[in-house]
Amino acid sequence: MNGREFLILFLYFLSTNANQIHRRFEYKYSFKPPYLAQKDNTVPFFEVFGNAIASSESIRVAPSLRSQKGSVWTKSKTTFDWWEVDIAFRISGRGRIGADGLAFWYTSEKGDYNGEVFGSSDKWNGLAVIFDSFDNDNKHNNPYIMAMINDGTRKFDHQNDGQNQALAGCLRDFRNKPFPTRAKIEYYNNVLTVLFHSGMTNNEQDYEMCLRAENVVLPKNGHFGISAATGGLADDHDVFHLLTTSLYPPGQIDTIGQVPAPDNEKISQEYKEYQQKLERQKEEYKKEHPDEQKDDLEDWFETDNQRELRQIWQAQTQTAEILRELSRKLDEVLGRQERTLGLISASANQVASGGAQQQPQYQQQQQQFNTGTDSGIRRQEVDNLINTQNILVQSIRDLKTQLNDLNQRSEMLITNQKQGGSQGGAFDMHSLVTEMRDGMNQVKMSVAGVQARVNQPQPLQSCPTSNCLGLTPFLIAIAVQLVIILGYNMYREAKGNQSKKFY
């Protein structure tokens, strides 16, 4: 786009916004998917002629066969002076050169699909925006978009592709694009503007200026139409939608279809009286039939507070499930530690019973244990078990603290909600719900962290060859660890009883 076209486009949008044009969608002059065509292949408010085929998603105005012509026209004429039409179409074919092209029409009368101009009649009275894809004059200036005005007397010059008769135009390639190409044709205050979308992007607002012409006079009332034709070469000419919008100057649309003020007040008063009468009848019916009263529809829906509470209980249930899974994995770790203690106890018994005679064998076993070369449990595995247990104990303590805090807040929220009517809303429900949501998020993050730590394999570290832990300090450490395990079992039983009360 050069500087001149950019300036014209900028002035066009600036003038459009400054005038504040009123727009109204005209459904009787439009079609779009889905369900574009009915079961009998007709399009509402439009007539399909010739070889055009209507489906639920598009209208194939001319198929990719030789010498095909088709068109689609509105049944009724327009009732507005100024308009804007948005067309989305695709022209595609296997050949490097297409034929013949597609045309948009605004004419005083419908065209004949057997005509000679792109599937419509020649010597038309009105506007034609032609998308010509075949180079008849061999000047290598196609595909080309041009606008032509005809008063019903001129014949279209096919040999020169109508170049001498065109009002204005632009050289744009609209064949075989990845996305549908679009054209926006606007006629307002005798100014004709054509914007073009190349179909290279999926952005529906990616338009560029193609042409703009002033002092264009068209018939007051006319038909909209789209036609296409093929010759020796052939393309598929598909139209996806045609959207028509009527344009009105500022202040004019306010008087169109507006109910007079006295009638509007009368209708509003009648509506209010009818509503009051309906409410009285409902009250009388409830008094006369107390047994047949049904629950109010409001009981079918939940309030914001109820929704927040339901989400909190669901999150707590998920947290409890995760804690059960962590407890199961912790039991597995404890089982491995018990097996480790059994092996160590057996080794100690053998050392105590063998005495000095088994001293060399004990030293060999001790060396193998320190270096981790025997086939049984290794030193680094024991270290990993101890580290994992420490992480689990600390994480479970954090979870206990957070769950206790969340439990207190939940009880406070439930108590305040029950007493909310008598207290007149003395507490801040929103802040409490927010705090509970934050607490649940912290619990979820903590549980996710614990689960990640448990699932993450601990790296195996090589045991040093010297200064290894002796048997006696190791037995003392295991005894301390057993005390911790017993304390944890007592804590878990107390926690299980508390969870049963909580749920």
Protein backbone atom coordinates (compact mmCIF):
# COMPACT_ATOMS: atom_id res chain seq x y z
CA MET A 1 0.00 0.00 0.00
CA ASN A 2 1.51 3.33 -1.05
CA GLY A 3 1.19 6.65 0.72
CA ARG A 4 -1.71 7.90 -1.39
CA GLU A 5 -3.85 4.82 -0.73
CA PHE A 6 -3.05 4.95 2.97
CA LEU A 7 -4.08 8.61 3.11
CA ILE A 8 -7.36 7.88 1.32
CA LEU A 9 -8.09 5.00 3.67
CA PHE A 10 -7.31 7.12 6.70
CA LEU A 11 -9.55 9.97 5.50
CA TYR A 12 -12.30 7.47 4.78
CA PHE A 13 -12.33 6.04 8.27
CA LEU A 14 -11.92 9.50 9.77
CA SER A 15 -14.92 10.84 7.90
CA THR A 16 -16.94 7.74 8.80
CA ASN A 17 -16.26 8.12 12.51
CA ALA A 18 -16.81 11.88 12.43
CA ASN A 19 -20.23 11.59 10.83
CA GLN A 20 -21.28 8.83 13.28
CA ILE A 21 -23.24 6.87 10.73
CA HIS A 22 -26.07 4.78 12.15
CA ARG A 23 -25.96 1.18 10.98
CA ARG A 24 -28.68 -1.45 10.98
CA PHE A 25 -28.29 -5.05 9.84
CA GLU A 26 -30.75 -6.02 7.10
CA TYR A 27 -31.45 -9.74 7.40
CA LYS A 28 -33.81 -9.79 4.40
CA TYR A 29 -30.89 -8.86 2.15
CA SER A 30 -28.30 -11.16 3.73
CA PHE A 31 -27.33 -14.81 4.01
CA LYS A 32 -24.65 -16.55 6.04
CA PRO A 33 -23.85 -20.02 7.44
CA PRO A 34 -24.73 -22.22 9.18
CA TYR A 35 -28.03 -23.41 7.72
CA LEU A 36 -27.62 -21.07 4.79
CA ALA A 37 -29.94 -23.14 2.63
CA GLN A 38 -33.12 -24.90 3.66
CA LYS A 39 -33.96 -28.57 3.07
CA ASP A 40 -35.35 -27.82 -0.39
CA ASN A 41 -32.05 -26.08 -1.32
CA THR A 42 -33.63 -22.64 -1.29
CA VAL A 43 -32.10 -19.60 0.38
CA PRO A 44 -34.47 -17.44 2.47
CA PHE A 45 -35.22 -14.06 0.84
CA PHE A 46 -33.06 -14.97 -2.20
CA GLU A 47 -33.55 -16.67 -5.56
CA VAL A 48 -30.96 -19.03 -7.06
CA PHE A 49 -30.65 -19.30 -10.83
CA GLY A 50 -28.70 -21.34 -13.38
CA ASN A 51 -25.94 -23.67 -12.28
CA ALA A 52 -25.68 -22.19 -8.79
CA ILE A 53 -25.84 -24.75 -5.97
CA ALA A 54 -26.85 -23.74 -2.43
CA SER A 55 -25.71 -25.72 0.61
CA SER A 56 -25.77 -25.19 4.36
CA GLU A 57 -22.33 -23.53 4.41
CA SER A 58 -22.01 -21.70 1.07
CA ILE A 59 -23.41 -21.07 -2.39
CA ARG A 60 -21.39 -22.39 -5.31
CA VAL A 61 -22.40 -19.81 -7.87
CA ALA A 62 -20.47 -21.49 -10.71
CA PRO A 63 -18.76 -24.90 -10.42
CA SER A 64 -15.39 -25.77 -11.96
CA LEU A 65 -16.84 -26.99 -15.22
CA ARG A 66 -16.68 -25.37 -18.63
CA SER A 67 -19.40 -22.96 -19.76
CA GLN A 68 -21.23 -22.75 -16.45
CA LYS A 69 -23.30 -19.75 -15.31
CA GLY A 70 -25.15 -19.08 -12.12
CA SER A 71 -26.48 -16.26 -9.98
CA VAL A 72 -28.31 -15.45 -6.76
CA TRP A 73 -30.53 -12.38 -6.34
CA THR A 74 -32.61 -10.81 -3.59
CA LYS A 75 -36.36 -11.25 -3.98
CA SER A 76 -37.29 -7.72 -2.93
CA LYS A 77 -35.83 -4.33 -3.68
CA THR A 78 -34.09 -2.21 -1.10
CA THR A 79 -36.02 0.28 1.02
CA PHE A 80 -32.99 2.35 2.07
CA ASP A 81 -30.77 4.77 0.15
CA TRP A 82 -27.31 4.04 1.55
CA TRP A 83 -25.85 0.65 2.30
CA GLU A 84 -22.76 -1.45 2.95
CA VAL A 85 -22.30 -5.05 1.75
CA ASP A 86 -19.71 -7.47 3.10
CA ILE A 87 -18.97 -10.46 0.85
CA ALA A 88 -16.81 -13.48 1.72
CA PHE A 89 -15.95 -15.70 -1.23
CA ARG A 90 -13.32 -18.08 -2.59
CA ILE A 91 -12.28 -18.55 -6.21
CA SER A 92 -10.13 -21.64 -6.58
CA GLY A 93 -9.00 -23.98 -9.32
CA ARG A 94 -6.18 -26.26 -10.40
CA GLY A 95 -5.11 -24.12 -13.33
CA ARG A 96 -2.58 -21.31 -13.21
CA ILE A 97 -5.15 -19.11 -14.99
CA GLY A 98 -8.76 -18.83 -13.89
CA ALA A 99 -11.94 -18.09 -15.78
CA ASP A 100 -14.07 -16.18 -16.00
CA GLY A 101 -14.82 -14.49 -12.71
CA LEU A 102 -17.41 -13.29 -10.23
CA ALA A 103 -19.47 -10.09 -10.01
CA PHE A 104 -21.50 -8.23 -7.40
CA TRP A 105 -24.55 -6.35 -8.66
CA TYR A 106 -26.83 -3.56 -7.49
CA THR A 107 -29.32 -2.97 -10.28
CA SER A 108 -32.85 -1.74 -10.71
CA GLU A 109 -33.91 -5.15 -12.09
CA LYS A 110 -32.62 -8.68 -11.68
CA GLY A 111 -30.16 -9.91 -14.28
CA ASP A 112 -30.58 -12.98 -16.46
CA TYR A 113 -28.12 -15.78 -15.63
CA ASN A 114 -27.87 -16.56 -19.39
CA GLY A 115 -26.44 -13.11 -19.97
CA GLU A 116 -22.98 -12.41 -21.35
CA VAL A 117 -21.45 -10.54 -18.39
CA PHE A 118 -20.22 -12.96 -15.71
CA GLY A 119 -23.52 -14.80 -15.44
CA SER A 120 -25.80 -11.75 -15.68
CA SER A 121 -27.42 -9.50 -18.25
CA ASP A 122 -25.59 -6.91 -20.28
CA LYS A 123 -26.73 -3.28 -20.43
CA TRP A 124 -27.70 -3.22 -16.79
CA ASN A 125 -28.89 -0.19 -14.86
CA GLY A 126 -26.87 0.21 -11.72
CA LEU A 127 -23.54 -0.90 -10.27
CA ALA A 128 -21.31 -3.88 -11.01
CA VAL A 129 -18.19 -4.74 -9.01
CA ILE A 130 -16.40 -7.33 -11.13
CA PHE A 131 -13.69 -9.73 -9.98
CA ASP A 132 -12.18 -10.65 -13.35
CA SER A 133 -9.75 -13.59 -13.29
CA PHE A 134 -9.20 -14.12 -17.06
CA ASP A 135 -6.94 -11.93 -19.21
CA ASN A 136 -8.89 -11.40 -22.43
CA ASP A 137 -6.75 -8.54 -23.79
CA ASN A 138 -3.45 -10.35 -22.97
CA LYS A 139 -2.04 -7.34 -21.11
CA HIS A 140 -1.14 -9.40 -18.02
CA ASN A 141 -3.27 -7.22 -15.81
CA ASN A 142 -5.47 -9.89 -14.24
CA PRO A 143 -6.88 -10.85 -11.75
CA TYR A 144 -8.43 -7.39 -11.56
CA ILE A 145 -11.18 -5.75 -9.49
CA MET A 146 -13.16 -2.96 -11.10
CA ALA A 147 -16.37 -1.03 -10.56
CA MET A 148 -18.63 -0.13 -13.49
CA ILE A 149 -21.70 2.11 -13.68
CA ASN A 150 -24.18 1.54 -16.48
CA ASP A 151 -27.37 3.39 -17.31
CA GLY A 152 -28.80 0.52 -19.36
CA THR A 153 -27.40 1.64 -22.72
CA ARG A 154 -23.77 0.57 -22.81
CA LYS A 155 -22.55 -2.90 -23.76
CA PHE A 156 -19.69 -4.51 -21.89
CA ASP A 157 -16.40 -4.59 -23.82
CA HIS A 158 -15.14 -8.16 -23.39
CA GLN A 159 -12.14 -7.80 -25.69
CA ASN A 160 -10.56 -5.11 -23.51
CA ASP A 161 -11.89 -6.54 -20.21
CA GLY A 162 -13.97 -3.35 -19.81
CA GLN A 163 -10.89 -1.30 -18.91
CA ASN A 164 -12.10 1.74 -20.86
CA GLN A 165 -15.53 1.57 -19.22
CA ALA A 166 -14.45 1.02 -15.61
CA LEU A 167 -15.11 3.71 -13.04
CA ALA A 168 -12.07 2.65 -10.99
CA GLY A 169 -10.23 -0.51 -10.08
CA CYS A 170 -7.22 -2.22 -8.56
CA LEU A 171 -4.95 -5.13 -9.44
CA ARG A 172 -5.35 -7.79 -6.75
CA ASP A 173 -4.86 -11.56 -6.79
CA PHE A 174 -7.88 -13.30 -5.25
CA ARG A 175 -7.44 -16.89 -6.56
CA ASN A 176 -6.39 -19.92 -4.47
CA LYS A 177 -5.93 -18.16 -1.15
CA PRO A 178 -5.60 -20.04 2.16
CA PHE A 179 -8.47 -18.09 3.72
CA PRO A 180 -11.65 -16.71 2.14
CA THR A 181 -11.19 -13.41 0.37
CA ARG A 182 -13.55 -10.61 1.32
CA ALA A 183 -14.81 -7.38 -0.18
CA LYS A 184 -16.61 -4.58 1.62
CA ILE A 185 -18.61 -2.36 -0.72
CA GLU A 186 -20.05 0.85 0.71
CA TYR A 187 -22.32 3.39 -0.94
CA TYR A 188 -23.00 6.46 1.21
CA ASN A 189 -23.70 10.08 0.22
CA ASN A 190 -23.00 9.24 -3.44
CA VAL A 191 -19.52 7.97 -2.56
CA LEU A 192 -18.61 4.44 -3.60
CA THR A 193 -15.83 2.70 -1.64
CA VAL A 194 -14.51 -0.82 -2.13
CA LEU A 195 -12.23 -2.39 0.50
CA PHE A 196 -10.52 -5.71 -0.21
CA HIS A 197 -9.24 -8.51 2.04
CA SER A 198 -6.62 -10.63 0.28
CA GLY A 199 -7.34 -13.84 2.20
CA MET A 200 -3.71 -14.30 3.26
CA THR A 201 -4.51 -13.92 6.96
CA ASN A 202 -7.33 -14.99 9.23
CA ASN A 203 -7.79 -11.46 10.56
CA GLU A 204 -11.23 -10.32 9.47
CA GLN A 205 -10.27 -6.64 9.76
CA ASP A 206 -7.22 -6.84 7.48
CA TYR A 207 -8.73 -4.70 4.71
CA GLU A 208 -6.99 -2.44 2.24
CA MET A 209 -8.34 0.26 -0.01
CA CYS A 210 -9.10 -0.87 -3.55
CA LEU A 211 -11.05 2.04 -5.00
CA ARG A 212 -13.03 5.12 -4.06
CA ALA A 213 -15.22 7.17 -6.38
CA GLU A 214 -17.30 10.26 -5.69
CA ASN A 215 -20.43 11.65 -7.35
CA VAL A 216 -21.79 8.15 -8.03
CA VAL A 217 -25.53 8.10 -8.62
CA LEU A 218 -27.32 4.76 -8.36
CA PRO A 219 -31.01 3.85 -8.58
CA LYS A 220 -32.96 4.55 -5.41
CA ASN A 221 -34.36 1.05 -5.07
CA GLY A 222 -32.63 -2.00 -6.46
CA HIS A 223 -31.77 -5.67 -6.13
CA PHE A 224 -28.53 -7.11 -4.75
CA GLY A 225 -27.05 -10.03 -6.65
CA ILE A 226 -23.97 -12.18 -7.16
CA SER A 227 -23.19 -14.02 -10.36
CA ALA A 228 -20.31 -16.02 -11.83
CA ALA A 229 -19.41 -17.72 -15.09
CA THR A 230 -16.78 -20.06 -16.55
CA GLY A 231 -15.56 -20.42 -20.13
CA GLY A 232 -12.87 -22.61 -21.66
CA LEU A 233 -11.15 -22.63 -18.27
CA ALA A 234 -12.96 -23.19 -15.03
CA ASP A 235 -12.81 -22.29 -11.33
CA ASP A 236 -15.02 -22.97 -8.35
CA HIS A 237 -16.78 -19.74 -7.35
CA ASP A 238 -18.01 -20.11 -3.77
CA VAL A 239 -19.74 -17.37 -1.75
CA PHE A 240 -19.87 -17.92 2.01
CA HIS A 241 -21.87 -14.93 3.15
CA LEU A 242 -23.39 -11.69 1.97
CA LEU A 243 -24.12 -9.30 4.83
CA THR A 244 -26.03 -6.10 4.12
CA THR A 245 -26.12 -3.12 6.48
CA SER A 246 -28.23 -0.06 5.87
CA LEU A 247 -26.63 3.32 6.59
CA TYR A 248 -28.45 6.34 7.93
CA PRO A 249 -27.25 9.89 8.60
CA PRO A 250 -27.19 11.03 12.25
CA GLY A 251 -30.69 11.64 13.59
CA GLN A 252 -32.57 9.94 10.78
CA ILE A 253 -32.74 6.44 12.23
CA ASP A 254 -34.25 7.74 15.48
CA THR A 255 -37.52 8.45 13.69
CA ILE A 256 -37.63 5.11 11.86
CA GLY A 257 -39.71 2.46 13.57
CA GLN A 258 -40.01 4.51 16.76
CA VAL A 259 -43.18 4.29 18.82
CA PRO A 260 -44.81 7.70 19.49
CA ALA A 261 -44.36 9.02 23.03
CA PRO A 262 -48.08 8.87 24.07
CA ASP A 263 -48.42 5.30 22.82
CA ASN A 264 -45.16 4.33 24.51
CA GLU A 265 -46.35 5.65 27.88
CA LYS A 266 -49.69 3.91 27.44
CA ILE A 267 -48.01 0.57 26.69
CA SER A 268 -45.67 0.94 29.69
CA GLN A 269 -48.60 1.70 32.01
CA GLU A 270 -50.53 -1.31 30.74
CA TYR A 271 -47.50 -3.54 31.28
CA LYS A 272 -47.10 -2.35 34.88
CA GLU A 273 -50.79 -2.94 35.60
CA TYR A 274 -50.57 -6.41 34.14
CA GLN A 275 -47.54 -7.24 36.31
CA GLN A 276 -49.33 -6.03 39.45
CA LYS A 277 -52.43 -8.03 38.58
CA LEU A 278 -50.32 -11.13 38.03
CA GLU A 279 -48.64 -10.73 41.42
CA ARG A 280 -52.01 -10.36 43.17
CA GLN A 281 -53.31 -13.50 41.50
CA LYS A 282 -50.23 -15.42 42.59
CA GLU A 283 -50.66 -14.32 46.21
CA GLU A 284 -54.35 -15.23 46.18
CA TYR A 285 -53.62 -18.65 44.74
CA LYS A 286 -50.98 -19.33 47.42
CA LYS A 287 -53.47 -18.41 50.17
CA GLU A 288 -56.24 -20.57 48.68
CA HIS A 289 -53.98 -23.57 47.94
CA PRO A 290 -51.32 -23.74 50.65
CA ASP A 291 -50.75 -27.48 50.09
CA GLU A 292 -50.00 -27.07 46.40
CA GLN A 293 -47.32 -24.46 46.82
CA LYS A 294 -44.11 -25.50 45.20
CA ASP A 295 -40.63 -24.48 46.13
CA ASP A 296 -39.51 -21.18 44.81
CA LEU A 297 -37.29 -21.30 41.77
CA GLU A 298 -34.62 -19.47 43.73
CA ASP A 299 -34.10 -22.64 45.77
CA TRP A 300 -32.91 -24.34 42.60
CA PHE A 301 -29.94 -22.03 42.34
CA GLU A 302 -27.05 -21.48 44.72
CA THR A 303 -25.77 -18.18 45.96
CA ASP A 304 -22.21 -17.00 45.68
CA ASN A 305 -21.48 -17.97 49.27
CA GLN A 306 -22.94 -21.42 48.79
CA ARG A 307 -20.85 -21.88 45.67
CA GLU A 308 -17.71 -20.83 47.52
CA LEU A 309 -18.46 -23.24 50.36
CA ARG A 310 -19.11 -26.09 47.93
CA GLN A 311 -15.80 -25.44 46.20
CA ILE A 312 -14.01 -25.35 49.56
CA TRP A 313 -15.49 -28.70 50.61
CA GLN A 314 -14.53 -30.21 47.28
CA ALA A 315 -10.98 -28.96 47.68
CA GLN A 316 -10.82 -30.37 51.20
CA THR A 317 -12.01 -33.73 49.92
CA GLN A 318 -9.29 -33.75 47.30
CA THR A 319 -6.74 -32.81 49.95
CA ALA A 320 -7.88 -35.71 52.11
CA GLU A 321 -7.47 -38.10 49.15
CA ILE A 322 -3.95 -36.86 48.55
CA LEU A 323 -3.12 -37.23 52.23
CA ARG A 324 -4.33 -40.82 52.13
CA GLU A 325 -2.06 -41.46 49.17
CA LEU A 326 0.87 -39.90 51.02
CA SER A 327 0.09 -42.03 54.07
CA ARG A 328 0.15 -45.15 51.92
CA LYS A 329 3.53 -44.21 50.48
CA LEU A 330 4.81 -43.43 53.96
CA ASP A 331 3.75 -46.90 55.08
CA GLU A 332 5.81 -48.31 52.24
CA VAL A 333 8.82 -46.31 53.43
CA LEU A 334 8.31 -47.54 56.99
CA GLY A 335 8.14 -51.11 55.74
CA ARG A 336 11.45 -50.70 53.97
CA GLN A 337 12.97 -49.26 57.14
CA GLU A 338 11.67 -52.17 59.21
CA ARG A 339 13.30 -54.60 56.80
CA THR A 340 16.50 -52.59 57.10
CA LEU A 341 16.36 -52.79 60.89
CA GLY A 342 15.82 -56.53 60.69
CA LEU A 343 18.94 -56.98 58.58
CA ILE A 344 20.95 -54.79 60.93
CA SER A 345 19.67 -56.69 64.02
CA ALA A 346 20.58 -60.01 62.44
CA SER A 347 24.07 -58.75 61.73
CA ALA A 348 24.45 -57.53 65.32
CA ASN A 349 23.31 -60.88 66.70
CA GLN A 350 25.81 -62.72 64.58
CA VAL A 351 28.59 -60.44 65.80
CA ALA A 352 27.57 -60.89 69.46
CA SER A 353 27.35 -64.71 69.24
CA GLY A 354 30.44 -65.27 67.12
CA GLY A 355 32.83 -63.34 69.42
CA ALA A 356 36.45 -63.15 68.54
CA GLN A 357 36.29 -66.08 66.15
CA GLN A 358 33.90 -64.27 63.83
CA GLN A 359 35.67 -60.94 64.13
CA PRO A 360 37.31 -61.11 60.68
CA GLN A 361 33.95 -62.01 59.09
CA TYR A 362 32.25 -59.13 60.93
CA GLN A 363 34.94 -56.71 59.80
CA GLN A 364 34.45 -57.88 56.23
CA GLN A 365 30.65 -57.39 56.48
CA GLN A 366 31.18 -53.98 58.08
CA GLN A 367 33.52 -52.95 55.28
CA GLN A 368 31.05 -54.17 52.66
CA PHE A 369 28.25 -52.28 54.36
CA ASN A 370 30.25 -49.06 54.54
CA THR A 371 31.38 -49.30 50.93
CA GLY A 372 27.97 -50.49 49.72
CA THR A 373 29.37 -53.45 47.79
CA ASP A 374 27.27 -56.27 49.29
CA SER A 375 24.12 -57.59 47.68
CA GLY A 376 21.85 -56.41 50.57
CA ILE A 377 20.93 -52.89 51.64
CA ARG A 378 23.42 -50.10 51.01
CA ARG A 379 24.45 -47.16 53.08
CA GLN A 380 23.24 -44.56 50.59
CA GLU A 381 19.82 -46.23 50.49
CA VAL A 382 19.55 -45.91 54.25
CA ASP A 383 20.50 -42.23 54.01
CA ASN A 384 17.88 -41.68 51.32
CA LEU A 385 15.23 -43.33 53.49
CA ILE A 386 16.11 -41.12 56.44
CA ASN A 387 16.01 -37.97 54.29
CA THR A 388 12.67 -38.96 52.79
CA GLN A 389 11.20 -39.60 56.22
CA ASN A 390 12.40 -36.24 57.50
CA ILE A 391 10.83 -34.49 54.52
CA LEU A 392 7.54 -36.33 55.04
CA VAL A 393 7.41 -35.56 58.74
CA GLN A 394 8.07 -31.85 58.19
CA SER A 395 5.58 -31.63 55.32
CA ILE A 396 2.88 -33.43 57.32
CA ARG A 397 3.41 -30.98 60.18
CA ASP A 398 2.90 -28.08 57.79
CA LEU A 399 -0.22 -29.71 56.37
CA LYS A 400 -1.56 -30.24 59.87
CA THR A 401 -1.11 -26.55 60.72
CA GLN A 402 -2.74 -25.38 57.51
CA LEU A 403 -5.66 -27.81 57.79
CA ASN A 404 -6.31 -26.73 61.37
CA ASP A 405 -6.36 -23.11 60.26
CA LEU A 406 -8.68 -23.95 57.38
CA ASN A 407 -10.97 -25.90 59.68
CA GLN A 408 -11.25 -22.95 62.08
CA ARG A 409 -12.05 -20.59 59.23
CA SER A 410 -14.68 -22.95 57.83
CA GLU A 411 -16.38 -23.26 61.20
CA MET A 412 -16.26 -19.48 61.60
CA LEU A 413 -17.79 -18.98 58.13
CA ILE A 414 -20.58 -21.50 58.76
CA THR A 415 -21.37 -19.95 62.15
CA ASN A 416 -21.43 -16.43 60.70
CA GLN A 417 -23.63 -17.52 57.81
CA LYS A 418 -26.16 -19.06 60.22
CA GLN A 419 -26.17 -15.91 62.35
CA GLY A 420 -25.98 -13.52 59.39
CA GLY A 421 -29.71 -12.75 59.36
CA SER A 422 -29.83 -11.75 63.01
CA GLN A 423 -26.58 -9.81 62.94
CA GLY A 424 -27.61 -7.88 59.86
CA GLY A 425 -24.48 -8.80 57.89
CA ALA A 426 -22.02 -7.65 60.57
CA PHE A 427 -19.20 -9.79 59.14
CA ASP A 428 -17.37 -9.53 55.86
CA MET A 429 -18.35 -12.68 53.98
CA HIS A 430 -16.24 -11.86 50.96
CA SER A 431 -13.03 -11.45 52.96
CA LEU A 432 -13.60 -14.71 54.82
CA VAL A 433 -14.23 -16.62 51.61
CA THR A 434 -11.12 -15.04 50.10
CA GLU A 435 -9.01 -16.06 53.09
CA MET A 436 -10.36 -19.61 52.90
CA ARG A 437 -9.60 -19.78 49.21
CA ASP A 438 -6.04 -18.62 49.88
CA GLY A 439 -5.70 -21.25 52.59
CA MET A 440 -6.89 -23.96 50.26
CA ASN A 441 -4.45 -22.80 47.60
CA GLN A 442 -1.62 -23.03 50.13
CA VAL A 443 -2.74 -26.52 51.14
CA LYS A 444 -2.86 -27.60 47.50
CA MET A 445 0.62 -26.20 46.87
CA SER A 446 2.00 -27.94 49.96
CA VAL A 447 0.39 -31.25 49.03
CA ALA A 448 1.68 -30.95 45.46
CA GLY A 449 5.16 -30.21 46.79
CA VAL A 450 5.08 -33.23 49.12
CA GLN A 451 3.84 -35.46 46.34
CA ALA A 452 6.58 -34.20 44.02
CA ARG A 453 9.21 -34.83 46.65
CA VAL A 454 7.95 -38.34 47.31
CA ASN A 455 7.73 -39.21 43.61
CA GLN A 456 11.12 -37.66 42.78
CA PRO A 457 13.83 -40.29 42.92
CA GLN A 458 16.62 -39.44 45.32
CA PRO A 459 20.04 -39.28 43.70
CA LEU A 460 22.36 -42.00 44.80
CA GLN A 461 25.47 -40.68 46.39
CA SER A 462 28.59 -42.73 46.66
CA CYS A 463 29.61 -43.65 50.17
CA PRO A 464 33.03 -42.35 51.20
CA THR A 465 35.75 -44.91 51.57
CA SER A 466 36.87 -43.53 54.94
CA ASN A 467 35.33 -42.02 58.07
CA CYS A 468 32.12 -44.03 57.64
CA LEU A 469 29.55 -44.34 60.39
CA GLY A 470 30.20 -47.11 62.86
CA LEU A 471 27.72 -49.76 63.93
CA THR A 472 27.09 -48.44 67.46
CA PRO A 473 26.19 -44.82 66.44
CA PHE A 474 24.05 -46.23 63.64
CA LEU A 475 22.10 -48.44 66.09
CA ILE A 476 21.57 -45.42 68.34
CA ALA A 477 20.27 -43.41 65.39
CA ILE A 478 17.91 -46.24 64.42
CA ALA A 479 16.62 -46.40 68.02
CA VAL A 480 15.90 -42.66 67.95
CA GLN A 481 14.18 -43.11 64.62
CA LEU A 482 11.98 -45.86 66.05
CA VAL A 483 10.89 -43.48 68.80
CA ILE A 484 9.98 -40.94 66.10
CA ILE A 485 8.03 -43.58 64.16
CA LEU A 486 6.07 -44.59 67.24
CA GLY A 487 5.29 -40.93 67.96
CA TYR A 488 4.15 -40.48 64.37
CA ASN A 489 1.85 -43.53 64.59
CA MET A 490 0.23 -42.09 67.70
CA TYR A 491 -0.14 -38.73 65.92
CA ARG A 492 -1.68 -40.37 62.86
CA GLU A 493 -4.26 -42.23 64.95
CA ALA A 494 -5.23 -38.94 66.66
CA LYS A 495 -5.37 -37.24 63.28
CA GLY A 496 -7.60 -39.98 61.89
CA ASN A 497 -10.09 -39.51 64.71
CA GLN A 498 -10.06 -35.74 64.14
CA SER A 499 -10.61 -36.23 60.37
CA LYS A 500 -13.64 -38.40 61.06
CA LYS A 501 -15.12 -35.63 63.15
CA PHE A 502 -14.28 -33.05 60.48
CA TYR A 503 -15.91 -34.95 57.63
